[in-house]
Structure formats: C-alpha cells, structure tokens
Protein backbone atom coordinates (compact mmCIF):
# COMPACT_ATOMS: atom_id res chain seq x y z
CA MET A 1 -64.10 26.22 108.63
CA ILE A 2 -65.22 23.31 106.28
CA LYS A 3 -64.56 26.10 103.90
CA GLU A 4 -61.14 26.81 105.25
CA LEU A 5 -60.62 23.23 105.43
CA LYS A 6 -61.47 22.77 101.41
CA GLU A 7 -59.61 25.84 100.76
CA LEU A 8 -56.16 24.26 102.27
CA ARG A 9 -57.11 20.51 100.74
CA SER A 10 -56.63 22.37 97.35
CA MET A 11 -53.26 23.74 98.15
CA SER A 12 -50.29 22.38 97.26
CA ASN A 13 -47.43 20.65 99.60
CA GLU A 14 -45.24 24.03 98.69
CA ASP A 15 -48.16 26.47 99.61
CA LEU A 16 -48.92 25.06 102.81
CA LEU A 17 -45.66 25.05 103.57
CA LYS A 18 -44.67 28.59 102.30
CA GLU A 19 -48.37 29.30 104.70
CA LEU A 20 -47.30 27.49 107.75
CA ASP A 21 -44.12 29.03 108.10
CA ASN A 22 -45.96 33.05 107.54
CA LEU A 23 -48.35 31.45 110.55
CA ARG A 24 -45.36 30.70 112.77
CA THR A 25 -43.70 33.86 112.29
CA GLU A 26 -46.91 35.48 113.07
CA TYR A 27 -48.03 33.18 116.01
CA ARG A 28 -43.76 33.98 117.99
CA ASP A 29 -44.36 37.76 116.91
CA LEU A 30 -48.00 37.66 118.44
CA MET A 31 -46.56 35.45 121.86
CA THR A 32 -43.49 37.56 122.14
CA LYS A 33 -45.90 40.99 122.30
CA ILE A 34 -47.99 39.29 124.53
CA ALA A 35 -45.02 37.57 126.83
CA THR A 36 -43.72 41.57 127.01
CA GLY A 37 -46.69 42.88 128.74
CA GLY A 38 -48.22 44.86 125.04
CA ALA A 39 -51.72 45.03 124.65
CA VAL A 40 -52.97 42.62 122.11
CA GLU A 41 -55.86 43.65 119.42
CA LYS A 42 -57.60 40.11 118.96
CA PRO A 43 -56.65 38.09 121.90
CA ALA A 44 -58.12 35.36 120.75
CA ARG A 45 -56.16 34.94 117.16
CA ALA A 46 -53.51 33.08 118.93
CA ARG A 47 -55.80 30.42 118.91
CA ASN A 48 -56.96 30.42 115.68
CA ILE A 49 -52.75 30.84 114.15
CA ARG A 50 -52.41 27.74 116.29
CA ARG A 51 -55.34 26.25 115.56
CA ARG A 52 -54.49 26.68 111.59
CA ILE A 53 -51.16 25.46 111.98
CA ALA A 54 -52.27 22.15 113.26
CA ARG A 55 -54.76 21.73 110.48
CA ILE A 56 -51.72 22.71 107.96
CA LEU A 57 -49.63 19.71 109.74
CA THR A 58 -52.41 17.47 109.23
CA ILE A 59 -52.55 17.72 105.74
CA LEU A 60 -48.92 17.30 104.76
CA ARG A 61 -49.06 14.15 107.29
CA GLU A 62 -51.84 13.12 105.33
CA ARG A 63 -50.24 13.36 101.96
CA GLY A 64 -47.09 11.65 103.34
CA ALA A 65 -45.29 14.76 103.67
CA ARG A 66 -43.54 14.55 106.85
CA GLU A 67 -40.42 15.18 106.24
CA TYR A 68 -41.74 18.60 105.14
CA ALA A 69 -44.29 19.25 107.98
CA ILE A 70 -41.66 18.45 110.82
CA THR A 71 -39.24 21.28 109.92
CA ARG A 72 -39.96 24.14 112.50
C-alpha cells in the first residue's frame, strides 16, 4: 500500500483524474455485473477499487483540486 501511495502522489492531477475516471467506469461495470447476478472472478476487487478511488480523491483534495475531484 505504501508503494501504491507513493506512486499516486507522484502522478500529476491530470493523470490522477484519468485514473479516477477509469476506476469509476470499472467499478460501475463490476457493480452492474454483480447486480445482474453474474459471477465475479474476484469479489474483493470492488472493495479495492473503492479504496483506490478514495485515495485518489484524498490526494486531489489535499492538493486543492477540489473542483476536479467532485465531478463524476
């Protein structure tokens, strides 16, 4: 996790926003699959995605990029 945090903190705001968009899309697709009764290979993936999204939002808010972090 520490390695992941260092990696995220070294990214620019634009890169973080791209990563955030990709994660939100992946999370939405995963939750749709779960809701329709589909079998998921890694059920813990949803939790990991939520946590990574939260980490990115925290970093963006610390940097003062609040207006970018709120858009969904």
